[in-house]
Amino acid sequence: MKINIYYGGRGIIGDPSLLAVKKMEMVLDDLQVEHTRYDLFDIKNNITTLPSTLKDADGIILATTVEWYGIGGYLMSFLDACWLYGDKEKMKQLYMAPVVMSTTYGEREALLDLKIAWETLGGSSAEGICGYFPDSSLLEKNQTYGKYVEKAAEDLYRCISQRRQGLPVSNKHTDEKVNKTKPSILTQKETEQYTELITNEKFVEQQKVDVKELTGQFMSALKGQKELGLEVYTEAFEKHFKAKPEVHTKYKFVLKGRKENLLIQIDNSSLITGVGEADNPDVVLTMDAEVLDEIIGGRATFQGSFMAGKIVNKGDFGRLRQLDIVFPFMEDHE
């Protein structure tokens, strides 16, 4: 027979539930029962892997101290891990004895919470013990109290040996009615391996580096795709061109973050568009691509964007205003 003990307290000197656990360990030694204690505060970073330790157990003890309210975070994290990653069929075969000591208030409520939680997981509960000990020396020195603790260990031993059966309880059927966990595409062994990986700090850090590298590669590829899309702008200028006489201007659009420049040349009724470099442009306009998107979409004008400081103009300002006349994007979208 093997019994695992999961202690969820803080391990401080004089913790009454820890004292109770040690007394129970002495009883298990006398009964020649193999037992292993897991101090959750010491292995808090690996709690999600602990459900795998249930595989070779015949019963368990869940122990905690109520210092202000409830069973505490460590033990709750362990129960969460059992619900998410534990072998439900194995847990149905396990008896659990709750051990809850309080230094303030609420030991009975916490003991009931543990029983309900374990039965919801499918397991069976032994009687367990709970008590109020603002001073742990009361538990340590009082022989009557010590016998209660010893009896709890013996009762768990008998429950396991006799496979004691109780009346059906609704908690065991919770997974058939509400809060049913989603079926996993992983086997039990794969789930255990996965939980070990996600608690491995070196593995997690390497995953972050890999994700960052892949993100950089994706963004570079996306950026390259955007640069190949400058023909979208040339097509928009060609579609909305309104020829005006006596207009002879060569424009160069510098879009921030783009390697290529957008070129527009107007010669009366003739329009030439392109991508690249221009020889001696009359006007050089520097802006974000988003600004040009707003103008082409009819939500802004060249002059208005310049006045708002979104466009840097190098050249004749009159030729900048001329763009809104030759390319009336806003009028065409009304």
C-alpha atoms as a PDB file:
ATOM      1  CA  MET A   1       0.000   0.000   0.000  1.00  0.00           C
ATOM      2  CA  LYS A   2       1.180   3.512  -0.759  1.00  0.00           C
ATOM      3  CA  ILE A   3      -0.233   6.819   0.453  1.00  0.00           C
ATOM      4  CA  ASN A   4       0.757  10.224  -0.921  1.00  0.00           C
ATOM      5  CA  ILE A   5       0.502  13.305   1.285  1.00  0.00           C
ATOM      6  CA  TYR A   6      -0.007  16.705  -0.330  1.00  0.00           C
ATOM      7  CA  TYR A   7       0.650  19.469   2.181  1.00  0.00           C
ATOM      8  CA  GLY A   8      -0.646  22.889   1.092  1.00  0.00           C
ATOM      9  CA  GLY A   9       0.424  25.031   4.042  1.00  0.00           C
ATOM     10  CA  ARG A  10       3.380  27.434   4.170  1.00  0.00           C
ATOM     11  CA  GLY A  11       5.667  25.148   6.140  1.00  0.00           C
ATOM     12  CA  ILE A  12       6.159  27.639   8.972  1.00  0.00           C
ATOM     13  CA  ILE A  13       7.336  26.556  12.410  1.00  0.00           C
ATOM     14  CA  GLY A  14       4.396  25.491  14.559  1.00  0.00           C
ATOM     15  CA  ASP A  15       1.978  24.965  11.672  1.00  0.00           C
ATOM     16  CA  PRO A  16      -0.704  22.725  13.295  1.00  0.00           C
ATOM     17  CA  SER A  17      -1.618  20.869  10.097  1.00  0.00           C
ATOM     18  CA  LEU A  18       2.052  20.052   9.489  1.00  0.00           C
ATOM     19  CA  LEU A  19       2.305  18.701  13.027  1.00  0.00           C
ATOM     20  CA  ALA A  20      -0.774  16.563  12.391  1.00  0.00           C
ATOM     21  CA  VAL A  21       0.725  15.236   9.149  1.00  0.00           C
ATOM     22  CA  LYS A  22       3.926  14.226  10.919  1.00  0.00           C
ATOM     23  CA  LYS A  23       1.927  12.323  13.547  1.00  0.00           C
ATOM     24  CA  MET A  24       0.048  10.537  10.756  1.00  0.00           C
ATOM     25  CA  GLU A  25       3.340   9.650   9.075  1.00  0.00           C
ATOM     26  CA  MET A  26       4.473   7.961  12.284  1.00  0.00           C
ATOM     27  CA  VAL A  27       1.272   5.875  12.319  1.00  0.00           C
ATOM     28  CA  LEU A  28       1.786   4.891   8.663  1.00  0.00           C
ATOM     29  CA  ASP A  29       5.334   3.819   9.520  1.00  0.00           C
ATOM     30  CA  ASP A  30       3.969   1.591  12.295  1.00  0.00           C
ATOM     31  CA  LEU A  31       1.481   0.098   9.825  1.00  0.00           C
ATOM     32  CA  GLN A  32       4.345  -0.475   7.353  1.00  0.00           C
ATOM     33  CA  VAL A  33       2.637   1.690   4.754  1.00  0.00           C
ATOM     34  CA  GLU A  34       4.845   3.352   2.147  1.00  0.00           C
ATOM     35  CA  HIS A  35       4.219   7.107   2.052  1.00  0.00           C
ATOM     36  CA  THR A  36       5.581  10.165   0.265  1.00  0.00           C
ATOM     37  CA  ARG A  37       4.969  13.769   1.270  1.00  0.00           C
ATOM     38  CA  TYR A  38       4.836  16.594  -1.263  1.00  0.00           C
ATOM     39  CA  ASP A  39       5.277  20.044   0.277  1.00  0.00           C
ATOM     40  CA  LEU A  40       3.546  22.217  -2.312  1.00  0.00           C
ATOM     41  CA  PHE A  41       5.181  25.454  -1.149  1.00  0.00           C
ATOM     42  CA  ASP A  42       8.564  23.939  -2.086  1.00  0.00           C
ATOM     43  CA  ILE A  43       7.478  22.758  -5.544  1.00  0.00           C
ATOM     44  CA  LYS A  44       4.966  25.461  -6.429  1.00  0.00           C
ATOM     45  CA  ASN A  45       6.416  25.867  -9.937  1.00  0.00           C
ATOM     46  CA  ASN A  46       5.787  22.193 -10.707  1.00  0.00           C
ATOM     47  CA  ILE A  47       2.329  21.732  -9.208  1.00  0.00           C
ATOM     48  CA  THR A  48       0.777  21.107 -12.638  1.00  0.00           C
ATOM     49  CA  THR A  49       2.908  17.958 -13.000  1.00  0.00           C
ATOM     50  CA  LEU A  50       1.865  16.453  -9.647  1.00  0.00           C
ATOM     51  CA  PRO A  51      -1.283  14.639 -10.855  1.00  0.00           C
ATOM     52  CA  SER A  52       1.099  12.124 -12.451  1.00  0.00           C
ATOM     53  CA  THR A  53       2.243  11.131  -8.929  1.00  0.00           C
ATOM     54  CA  LEU A  54      -1.218   9.703  -8.244  1.00  0.00           C
ATOM     55  CA  LYS A  55      -0.577   6.775 -10.579  1.00  0.00           C
ATOM     56  CA  ASP A  56       1.105   4.514  -8.047  1.00  0.00           C
ATOM     57  CA  ALA A  57      -0.873   5.624  -4.973  1.00  0.00           C
ATOM     58  CA  ASP A  58      -3.670   3.736  -3.204  1.00  0.00           C
ATOM     59  CA  GLY A  59      -4.832   6.738  -1.189  1.00  0.00           C
ATOM     60  CA  ILE A  60      -3.908  10.319  -0.426  1.00  0.00           C
ATOM     61  CA  ILE A  61      -3.973  12.880   2.368  1.00  0.00           C
ATOM     62  CA  LEU A  62      -4.755  16.511   1.542  1.00  0.00           C
ATOM     63  CA  ALA A  63      -3.532  18.752   4.352  1.00  0.00           C
ATOM     64  CA  THR A  64      -3.700  22.511   4.781  1.00  0.00           C
ATOM     65  CA  THR A  65      -3.951  25.260   7.380  1.00  0.00           C
ATOM     66  CA  VAL A  66      -6.653  27.927   7.304  1.00  0.00           C
ATOM     67  CA  GLU A  67      -4.824  31.093   8.275  1.00  0.00           C
ATOM     68  CA  TRP A  68      -7.485  33.550   7.196  1.00  0.00           C
ATOM     69  CA  TYR A  69      -9.901  32.013   4.641  1.00  0.00           C
ATOM     70  CA  GLY A  70     -10.196  28.779   2.691  1.00  0.00           C
ATOM     71  CA  ILE A  71      -7.782  26.026   1.800  1.00  0.00           C
ATOM     72  CA  GLY A  72      -5.108  28.278   0.303  1.00  0.00           C
ATOM     73  CA  GLY A  73      -3.679  28.743  -3.155  1.00  0.00           C
ATOM     74  CA  TYR A  74      -1.195  25.865  -3.289  1.00  0.00           C
ATOM     75  CA  LEU A  75      -3.720  23.140  -2.584  1.00  0.00           C
ATOM     76  CA  MET A  76      -6.286  24.761  -4.862  1.00  0.00           C
ATOM     77  CA  SER A  77      -3.713  24.819  -7.675  1.00  0.00           C
ATOM     78  CA  PHE A  78      -3.082  21.104  -7.130  1.00  0.00           C
ATOM     79  CA  LEU A  79      -6.808  20.320  -7.314  1.00  0.00           C
ATOM     80  CA  ASP A  80      -7.110  22.456 -10.458  1.00  0.00           C
ATOM     81  CA  ALA A  81      -4.274  20.471 -12.015  1.00  0.00           C
ATOM     82  CA  CYS A  82      -6.044  17.214 -11.100  1.00  0.00           C
ATOM     83  CA  TRP A  83      -9.202  18.439 -12.810  1.00  0.00           C
ATOM     84  CA  LEU A  84      -7.364  19.564 -15.946  1.00  0.00           C
ATOM     85  CA  TYR A  85      -4.604  16.979 -16.308  1.00  0.00           C
ATOM     86  CA  GLY A  86      -5.281  14.135 -13.899  1.00  0.00           C
ATOM     87  CA  ASP A  87      -6.284  10.607 -14.814  1.00  0.00           C
ATOM     88  CA  LYS A  88      -9.973  10.603 -13.846  1.00  0.00           C
ATOM     89  CA  GLU A  89     -10.201   6.817 -13.943  1.00  0.00           C
ATOM     90  CA  LYS A  90      -7.302   6.508 -11.504  1.00  0.00           C
ATOM     91  CA  MET A  91      -8.739   9.133  -9.153  1.00  0.00           C
ATOM     92  CA  LYS A  92     -11.981   7.148  -8.964  1.00  0.00           C
ATOM     93  CA  GLN A  93      -9.998   4.396  -7.248  1.00  0.00           C
ATOM     94  CA  LEU A  94      -8.372   6.649  -4.627  1.00  0.00           C
ATOM     95  CA  TYR A  95      -9.490   7.383  -1.073  1.00  0.00           C
ATOM     96  CA  MET A  96      -8.677  10.821   0.324  1.00  0.00           C
ATOM     97  CA  ALA A  97      -8.384  11.865   3.968  1.00  0.00           C
ATOM     98  CA  PRO A  98      -8.611  15.650   4.518  1.00  0.00           C
ATOM     99  CA  VAL A  99      -6.564  17.240   7.297  1.00  0.00           C
ATOM    100  CA  VAL A 100      -7.466  20.867   8.031  1.00  0.00           C
ATOM    101  CA  MET A 101      -6.304  22.905  10.988  1.00  0.00           C
ATOM    102  CA  SER A 102      -7.281  26.515  11.576  1.00  0.00           C
ATOM    103  CA  THR A 103      -5.488  29.301  13.419  1.00  0.00           C
ATOM    104  CA  THR A 104      -8.442  31.661  12.971  1.00  0.00           C
ATOM    105  CA  TYR A 105     -11.762  30.249  11.743  1.00  0.00           C
ATOM    106  CA  GLY A 106     -13.259  28.048   9.035  1.00  0.00           C
ATOM    107  CA  GLU A 107     -11.676  24.610   9.473  1.00  0.00           C
ATOM    108  CA  ARG A 108     -14.969  22.728   9.071  1.00  0.00           C
ATOM    109  CA  GLU A 109     -15.910  24.622   5.920  1.00  0.00           C
ATOM    110  CA  ALA A 110     -12.455  23.972   4.435  1.00  0.00           C
ATOM    111  CA  LEU A 111     -12.663  20.250   5.273  1.00  0.00           C
ATOM    112  CA  LEU A 112     -16.034  20.067   3.538  1.00  0.00           C
ATOM    113  CA  ASP A 113     -14.609  21.909   0.527  1.00  0.00           C
ATOM    114  CA  LEU A 114     -11.849  19.322   0.193  1.00  0.00           C
ATOM    115  CA  LYS A 115     -14.304  16.448   0.394  1.00  0.00           C
ATOM    116  CA  ILE A 116     -16.591  17.987  -2.213  1.00  0.00           C
ATOM    117  CA  ALA A 117     -13.664  18.766  -4.520  1.00  0.00           C
ATOM    118  CA  TRP A 118     -12.252  15.235  -4.324  1.00  0.00           C
ATOM    119  CA  GLU A 119     -15.633  13.605  -4.820  1.00  0.00           C
ATOM    120  CA  THR A 120     -16.248  15.891  -7.810  1.00  0.00           C
ATOM    121  CA  LEU A 121     -13.010  14.521  -9.246  1.00  0.00           C
ATOM    122  CA  GLY A 122     -14.512  11.054  -8.827  1.00  0.00           C
ATOM    123  CA  GLY A 123     -12.668   9.871  -5.719  1.00  0.00           C
ATOM    124  CA  SER A 124     -13.912   8.724  -2.323  1.00  0.00           C
ATOM    125  CA  SER A 125     -13.412  10.466   1.013  1.00  0.00           C
ATOM    126  CA  ALA A 126     -12.370   9.085   4.364  1.00  0.00           C
ATOM    127  CA  GLU A 127     -13.506  10.799   7.543  1.00  0.00           C
ATOM    128  CA  GLY A 128     -10.497  13.080   7.965  1.00  0.00           C
ATOM    129  CA  ILE A 129      -9.970  15.569  10.788  1.00  0.00           C
ATOM    130  CA  CYS A 130     -10.243  19.294  11.403  1.00  0.00           C
ATOM    131  CA  GLY A 131      -9.528  21.453  14.423  1.00  0.00           C
ATOM    132  CA  TYR A 132      -8.887  24.964  15.741  1.00  0.00           C
ATOM    133  CA  PHE A 133      -5.410  25.560  17.139  1.00  0.00           C
ATOM    134  CA  PRO A 134      -4.335  29.194  17.583  1.00  0.00           C
ATOM    135  CA  ASP A 135      -1.393  27.725  19.496  1.00  0.00           C
ATOM    136  CA  SER A 136       0.091  24.589  17.917  1.00  0.00           C
ATOM    137  CA  SER A 137       1.532  23.458  21.259  1.00  0.00           C
ATOM    138  CA  LEU A 138      -2.015  22.433  22.240  1.00  0.00           C
ATOM    139  CA  LEU A 139      -1.987  19.796  19.510  1.00  0.00           C
ATOM    140  CA  GLU A 140       1.560  18.762  20.234  1.00  0.00           C
ATOM    141  CA  LYS A 141       1.129  18.186  23.981  1.00  0.00           C
ATOM    142  CA  ASN A 142      -2.458  17.010  24.344  1.00  0.00           C
ATOM    143  CA  GLN A 143      -2.586  13.214  24.139  1.00  0.00           C
ATOM    144  CA  THR A 144      -6.326  13.136  23.420  1.00  0.00           C
ATOM    145  CA  TYR A 145      -5.886  15.372  20.396  1.00  0.00           C
ATOM    146  CA  GLY A 146      -2.965  13.232  19.266  1.00  0.00           C
ATOM    147  CA  LYS A 147      -5.170  10.127  19.345  1.00  0.00           C
ATOM    148  CA  TYR A 148      -7.710  11.825  17.055  1.00  0.00           C
ATOM    149  CA  VAL A 149      -4.935  12.435  14.544  1.00  0.00           C
ATOM    150  CA  GLU A 150      -3.676   8.866  14.795  1.00  0.00           C
ATOM    151  CA  LYS A 151      -7.215   7.534  14.373  1.00  0.00           C
ATOM    152  CA  ALA A 152      -7.573   9.520  11.108  1.00  0.00           C
ATOM    153  CA  ALA A 153      -4.496   7.784   9.671  1.00  0.00           C
ATOM    154  CA  GLU A 154      -5.804   4.394  10.783  1.00  0.00           C
ATOM    155  CA  ASP A 155      -9.225   5.107   9.280  1.00  0.00           C
ATOM    156  CA  LEU A 156      -7.685   5.915   5.889  1.00  0.00           C
ATOM    157  CA  TYR A 157      -5.697   2.678   6.089  1.00  0.00           C
ATOM    158  CA  ARG A 158      -8.905   0.696   6.771  1.00  0.00           C
ATOM    159  CA  CYS A 159     -10.816   2.471   3.977  1.00  0.00           C
ATOM    160  CA  ILE A 160      -8.156   1.465   1.484  1.00  0.00           C
ATOM    161  CA  SER A 161      -7.726  -2.081   2.798  1.00  0.00           C
ATOM    162  CA  GLN A 162     -11.454  -2.798   2.954  1.00  0.00           C
ATOM    163  CA  ARG A 163     -12.350  -0.791  -0.174  1.00  0.00           C
ATOM    164  CA  ARG A 164     -15.042   0.736   1.978  1.00  0.00           C
ATOM    165  CA  GLN A 165     -18.128   1.833   0.070  1.00  0.00           C
ATOM    166  CA  GLY A 166     -20.507   4.624   1.009  1.00  0.00           C
ATOM    167  CA  LEU A 167     -23.826   5.809  -0.329  1.00  0.00           C
ATOM    168  CA  PRO A 168     -23.793   7.500  -3.761  1.00  0.00           C
ATOM    169  CA  VAL A 169     -23.143  11.250  -3.763  1.00  0.00           C
ATOM    170  CA  SER A 170     -24.084  13.700  -6.494  1.00  0.00           C
ATOM    171  CA  ASN A 171     -20.599  15.247  -6.608  1.00  0.00           C
ATOM    172  CA  LYS A 172     -19.199  12.176  -8.331  1.00  0.00           C
ATOM    173  CA  HIS A 173     -21.579  12.708 -11.245  1.00  0.00           C
ATOM    174  CA  THR A 174     -20.812  16.379 -11.758  1.00  0.00           C
ATOM    175  CA  ASP A 175     -18.718  15.645 -14.836  1.00  0.00           C
ATOM    176  CA  GLU A 176     -21.796  14.049 -16.428  1.00  0.00           C
ATOM    177  CA  LYS A 177     -23.963  17.133 -15.853  1.00  0.00           C
ATOM    178  CA  VAL A 178     -22.120  20.423 -15.517  1.00  0.00           C
ATOM    179  CA  ASN A 179     -18.593  21.798 -15.803  1.00  0.00           C
ATOM    180  CA  LYS A 180     -17.588  18.880 -17.968  1.00  0.00           C
ATOM    181  CA  THR A 181     -13.961  19.191 -19.046  1.00  0.00           C
ATOM    182  CA  LYS A 182     -13.354  19.319 -22.772  1.00  0.00           C
ATOM    183  CA  PRO A 183     -12.017  16.079 -24.242  1.00  0.00           C
ATOM    184  CA  SER A 184      -8.269  16.250 -24.798  1.00  0.00           C
ATOM    185  CA  ILE A 185      -6.633  15.292 -28.076  1.00  0.00           C
ATOM    186  CA  LEU A 186      -3.635  14.154 -26.006  1.00  0.00           C
ATOM    187  CA  THR A 187      -3.178  10.828 -24.295  1.00  0.00           C
ATOM    188  CA  GLN A 188      -2.582  10.743 -20.548  1.00  0.00           C
ATOM    189  CA  LYS A 189       1.159  10.238 -21.100  1.00  0.00           C
ATOM    190  CA  GLU A 190       1.300  13.103 -23.622  1.00  0.00           C
ATOM    191  CA  THR A 191      -0.580  15.346 -21.189  1.00  0.00           C
ATOM    192  CA  GLU A 192       1.943  14.590 -18.448  1.00  0.00           C
ATOM    193  CA  GLN A 193       4.839  15.292 -20.824  1.00  0.00           C
ATOM    194  CA  TYR A 194       3.179  18.550 -21.898  1.00  0.00           C
ATOM    195  CA  THR A 195       2.682  19.761 -18.330  1.00  0.00           C
ATOM    196  CA  GLU A 196       6.319  18.972 -17.553  1.00  0.00           C
ATOM    197  CA  LEU A 197       7.389  21.080 -20.533  1.00  0.00           C
ATOM    198  CA  ILE A 198       5.267  24.118 -19.658  1.00  0.00           C
ATOM    199  CA  THR A 199       6.755  24.197 -16.170  1.00  0.00           C
ATOM    200  CA  ASN A 200      10.322  23.981 -17.509  1.00  0.00           C
ATOM    201  CA  GLU A 201      11.606  27.560 -17.416  1.00  0.00           C
ATOM    202  CA  LYS A 202      14.413  26.948 -19.938  1.00  0.00           C
ATOM    203  CA  PHE A 203      11.967  25.396 -22.394  1.00  0.00           C
ATOM    204  CA  VAL A 204       9.498  28.272 -22.001  1.00  0.00           C
ATOM    205  CA  GLU A 205      12.244  30.887 -22.507  1.00  0.00           C
ATOM    206  CA  GLN A 206      13.457  29.111 -25.650  1.00  0.00           C
ATOM    207  CA  GLN A 207       9.885  29.050 -26.962  1.00  0.00           C
ATOM    208  CA  LYS A 208       9.651  32.812 -26.444  1.00  0.00           C
ATOM    209  CA  VAL A 209      12.880  33.317 -28.410  1.00  0.00           C
ATOM    210  CA  ASP A 210      11.616  31.071 -31.222  1.00  0.00           C
ATOM    211  CA  VAL A 211       8.272  32.870 -31.377  1.00  0.00           C
ATOM    212  CA  LYS A 212      10.018  36.250 -31.489  1.00  0.00           C
ATOM    213  CA  GLU A 213      12.240  35.057 -34.335  1.00  0.00           C
ATOM    214  CA  LEU A 214       9.294  33.674 -36.301  1.00  0.00           C
ATOM    215  CA  THR A 215       7.359  36.892 -35.724  1.00  0.00           C
ATOM    216  CA  GLY A 216      10.285  38.878 -37.103  1.00  0.00           C
ATOM    217  CA  GLN A 217      10.424  36.668 -40.185  1.00  0.00           C
ATOM    218  CA  PHE A 218       6.674  37.010 -40.705  1.00  0.00           C
ATOM    219  CA  MET A 219       6.764  40.788 -40.353  1.00  0.00           C
ATOM    220  CA  SER A 220       9.649  40.999 -42.828  1.00  0.00           C
ATOM    221  CA  ALA A 221       7.700  38.914 -45.318  1.00  0.00           C
ATOM    222  CA  LEU A 222       4.577  41.009 -44.738  1.00  0.00           C
ATOM    223  CA  LYS A 223       6.574  44.194 -45.209  1.00  0.00           C
ATOM    224  CA  GLY A 224       7.915  42.856 -48.494  1.00  0.00           C
ATOM    225  CA  GLN A 225       4.392  42.125 -49.644  1.00  0.00           C
ATOM    226  CA  LYS A 226       3.330  45.675 -48.833  1.00  0.00           C
ATOM    227  CA  GLU A 227       6.234  47.077 -50.832  1.00  0.00           C
ATOM    228  CA  LEU A 228       5.119  45.048 -53.840  1.00  0.00           C
ATOM    229  CA  GLY A 229       1.697  46.648 -53.483  1.00  0.00           C
ATOM    230  CA  LEU A 230       2.651  50.183 -54.579  1.00  0.00           C
ATOM    231  CA  GLU A 231       0.807  49.539 -57.842  1.00  0.00           C
ATOM    232  CA  VAL A 232      -2.375  49.933 -55.793  1.00  0.00           C
ATOM    233  CA  TYR A 233      -1.492  53.621 -55.455  1.00  0.00           C
ATOM    234  CA  THR A 234      -0.571  54.054 -59.118  1.00  0.00           C
ATOM    235  CA  GLU A 235      -3.884  52.485 -60.149  1.00  0.00           C
ATOM    236  CA  ALA A 236      -5.775  54.856 -57.828  1.00  0.00           C
ATOM    237  CA  PHE A 237      -4.027  57.921 -59.299  1.00  0.00           C
ATOM    238  CA  GLU A 238      -4.755  56.740 -62.848  1.00  0.00           C
ATOM    239  CA  LYS A 239      -8.423  56.077 -62.033  1.00  0.00           C
ATOM    240  CA  HIS A 240      -9.062  59.502 -60.460  1.00  0.00           C
ATOM    241  CA  PHE A 241      -6.955  61.619 -62.825  1.00  0.00           C
ATOM    242  CA  LYS A 242      -8.708  64.751 -64.154  1.00  0.00           C
ATOM    243  CA  ALA A 243      -6.578  66.327 -66.873  1.00  0.00           C
ATOM    244  CA  LYS A 244      -6.007  70.092 -66.671  1.00  0.00           C
ATOM    245  CA  PRO A 245      -4.265  72.235 -69.280  1.00  0.00           C
ATOM    246  CA  GLU A 246      -0.938  73.855 -68.544  1.00  0.00           C
ATOM    247  CA  VAL A 247      -0.003  71.357 -65.862  1.00  0.00           C
ATOM    248  CA  HIS A 248       3.532  70.091 -66.208  1.00  0.00           C
ATOM    249  CA  THR A 249       4.814  68.632 -62.920  1.00  0.00           C
ATOM    250  CA  LYS A 250       6.885  65.681 -61.808  1.00  0.00           C
ATOM    251  CA  TYR A 251       6.029  64.416 -58.268  1.00  0.00           C
ATOM    252  CA  LYS A 252       8.002  62.077 -56.073  1.00  0.00           C
ATOM    253  CA  PHE A 253       6.191  60.479 -53.119  1.00  0.00           C
ATOM    254  CA  VAL A 254       8.468  59.175 -50.372  1.00  0.00           C
ATOM    255  CA  LEU A 255       6.516  56.770 -48.183  1.00  0.00           C
ATOM    256  CA  LYS A 256       8.183  56.198 -44.805  1.00  0.00           C
ATOM    257  CA  GLY A 257       9.343  52.638 -44.266  1.00  0.00           C
ATOM    258  CA  ARG A 258       9.165  51.781 -47.979  1.00  0.00           C
ATOM    259  CA  LYS A 259      12.231  51.075 -50.077  1.00  0.00           C
ATOM    260  CA  GLU A 260      10.629  52.249 -53.321  1.00  0.00           C
ATOM    261  CA  ASN A 261       9.217  55.687 -54.129  1.00  0.00           C
ATOM    262  CA  LEU A 262       5.981  56.454 -55.936  1.00  0.00           C
ATOM    263  CA  LEU A 263       6.403  58.625 -59.058  1.00  0.00           C
ATOM    264  CA  ILE A 264       3.698  60.731 -60.719  1.00  0.00           C
ATOM    265  CA  GLN A 265       4.354  62.834 -63.835  1.00  0.00           C
ATOM    266  CA  ILE A 266       1.642  65.075 -65.319  1.00  0.00           C
ATOM    267  CA  ASP A 267       1.957  66.659 -68.756  1.00  0.00           C
ATOM    268  CA  ASN A 268      -1.367  68.324 -69.685  1.00  0.00           C
ATOM    269  CA  SER A 269      -3.695  65.402 -70.388  1.00  0.00           C
ATOM    270  CA  SER A 270      -0.919  62.841 -70.071  1.00  0.00           C
ATOM    271  CA  LEU A 271      -0.267  60.937 -66.841  1.00  0.00           C
ATOM    272  CA  ILE A 272       2.695  58.691 -66.208  1.00  0.00           C
ATOM    273  CA  THR A 273       2.977  56.660 -62.998  1.00  0.00           C
ATOM    274  CA  GLY A 274       5.774  54.464 -61.753  1.00  0.00           C
ATOM    275  CA  VAL A 275       7.884  53.181 -58.885  1.00  0.00           C
ATOM    276  CA  GLY A 276      11.546  53.951 -58.295  1.00  0.00           C
ATOM    277  CA  GLU A 277      13.712  57.045 -58.485  1.00  0.00           C
ATOM    278  CA  ALA A 278      12.986  60.275 -60.375  1.00  0.00           C
ATOM    279  CA  ASP A 279      15.430  62.652 -62.036  1.00  0.00           C
ATOM    280  CA  ASN A 280      14.968  66.207 -60.776  1.00  0.00           C
ATOM    281  CA  PRO A 281      11.380  65.982 -59.462  1.00  0.00           C
ATOM    282  CA  ASP A 282       9.552  69.305 -59.122  1.00  0.00           C
ATOM    283  CA  VAL A 283       7.959  68.318 -55.824  1.00  0.00           C
ATOM    284  CA  VAL A 284       9.024  65.771 -53.202  1.00  0.00           C
ATOM    285  CA  LEU A 285       6.333  64.759 -50.712  1.00  0.00           C
ATOM    286  CA  THR A 286       7.289  62.696 -47.642  1.00  0.00           C
ATOM    287  CA  MET A 287       4.537  61.007 -45.589  1.00  0.00           C
ATOM    288  CA  ASP A 288       3.415  57.794 -43.915  1.00  0.00           C
ATOM    289  CA  ALA A 289       1.643  55.293 -46.139  1.00  0.00           C
ATOM    290  CA  GLU A 290      -1.404  55.637 -43.881  1.00  0.00           C
ATOM    291  CA  VAL A 291      -1.684  59.330 -44.811  1.00  0.00           C
ATOM    292  CA  LEU A 292      -1.745  58.511 -48.514  1.00  0.00           C
ATOM    293  CA  ASP A 293      -4.322  55.783 -47.788  1.00  0.00           C
ATOM    294  CA  GLU A 294      -6.605  58.407 -46.192  1.00  0.00           C
ATOM    295  CA  ILE A 295      -6.231  60.749 -49.163  1.00  0.00           C
ATOM    296  CA  ILE A 296      -6.878  58.077 -51.785  1.00  0.00           C
ATOM    297  CA  GLY A 297      -9.840  56.861 -49.728  1.00  0.00           C
ATOM    298  CA  GLY A 298     -11.389  60.337 -49.897  1.00  0.00           C
ATOM    299  CA  ARG A 299     -11.052  60.982 -46.160  1.00  0.00           C
ATOM    300  CA  ALA A 300      -8.423  63.745 -46.462  1.00  0.00           C
ATOM    301  CA  THR A 301      -6.750  66.051 -48.983  1.00  0.00           C
ATOM    302  CA  PHE A 302      -3.123  66.751 -49.803  1.00  0.00           C
ATOM    303  CA  GLN A 303      -3.408  70.364 -48.668  1.00  0.00           C
ATOM    304  CA  GLY A 304      -5.245  69.499 -45.465  1.00  0.00           C
ATOM    305  CA  SER A 305      -2.712  66.797 -44.574  1.00  0.00           C
ATOM    306  CA  PHE A 306       0.139  69.231 -45.223  1.00  0.00           C
ATOM    307  CA  MET A 307      -1.480  71.851 -42.956  1.00  0.00           C
ATOM    308  CA  ALA A 308      -1.906  69.168 -40.276  1.00  0.00           C
ATOM    309  CA  GLY A 309       1.814  68.399 -40.416  1.00  0.00           C
ATOM    310  CA  LYS A 310       1.334  64.930 -41.879  1.00  0.00           C
ATOM    311  CA  ILE A 311       3.154  65.739 -45.135  1.00  0.00           C
ATOM    312  CA  VAL A 312       6.582  67.276 -45.572  1.00  0.00           C
ATOM    313  CA  ASN A 313       6.693  69.230 -48.843  1.00  0.00           C
ATOM    314  CA  LYS A 314       9.866  70.046 -50.694  1.00  0.00           C
ATOM    315  CA  GLY A 315       9.117  72.262 -53.683  1.00  0.00           C
ATOM    316  CA  ASP A 316       6.470  74.710 -54.862  1.00  0.00           C
ATOM    317  CA  PHE A 317       3.522  74.752 -52.442  1.00  0.00           C
ATOM    318  CA  GLY A 318       1.197  75.726 -55.309  1.00  0.00           C
ATOM    319  CA  ARG A 319       1.985  72.467 -57.037  1.00  0.00           C
ATOM    320  CA  LEU A 320       1.005  70.623 -53.858  1.00  0.00           C
ATOM    321  CA  ARG A 321      -2.444  72.281 -53.916  1.00  0.00           C
ATOM    322  CA  GLN A 322      -2.627  71.384 -57.591  1.00  0.00           C
ATOM    323  CA  LEU A 323      -2.770  67.676 -56.653  1.00  0.00           C
ATOM    324  CA  ASP A 324      -6.218  68.085 -55.066  1.00  0.00           C
ATOM    325  CA  ILE A 325      -7.498  69.576 -58.334  1.00  0.00           C
ATOM    326  CA  VAL A 326      -5.970  67.012 -60.668  1.00  0.00           C
ATOM    327  CA  PHE A 327      -6.779  64.115 -58.354  1.00  0.00           C
ATOM    328  CA  PRO A 328     -10.120  64.954 -56.651  1.00  0.00           C
ATOM    329  CA  PHE A 329     -10.256  61.817 -54.494  1.00  0.00           C
ATOM    330  CA  MET A 330     -12.627  63.358 -51.940  1.00  0.00           C
ATOM    331  CA  GLU A 331     -15.124  64.512 -54.590  1.00  0.00           C
ATOM    332  CA  ASP A 332     -15.109  61.152 -56.325  1.00  0.00           C
ATOM    333  CA  HIS A 333     -15.950  59.348 -53.059  1.00  0.00           C
ATOM    334  CA  GLU A 334     -18.905  61.579 -52.183  1.00  0.00           C
END
